[in-house]
């Protein structure tokens, strides 16, 4: 009877050791995946931020150009109104 119990305990210990080894391997893989995902997301977020900055600069340029055009149109409207009064 003692031999059967010892064999059973030996098998349980062997299974537990194997399970522990598999868990360590799985943990290592998960950490590698987490690192890769964090790295990839970091690059993608930086790219989005850079694209946003470029778009903001373009928007500012367009707004400034529109303001200059608006000013020129207002001046032309005043000149046209002045010319109409003279006629």
Foldseek 3Di string as FASTA:
>chain_A
DVVVVVVVVVVVVVVVVVVVVVVVVVVVVVVVVVVVVVVVVVVVVVVVVVVVVVVVVVVVVVVVVVVVVVVVVVVVVVVVVVVVVVD
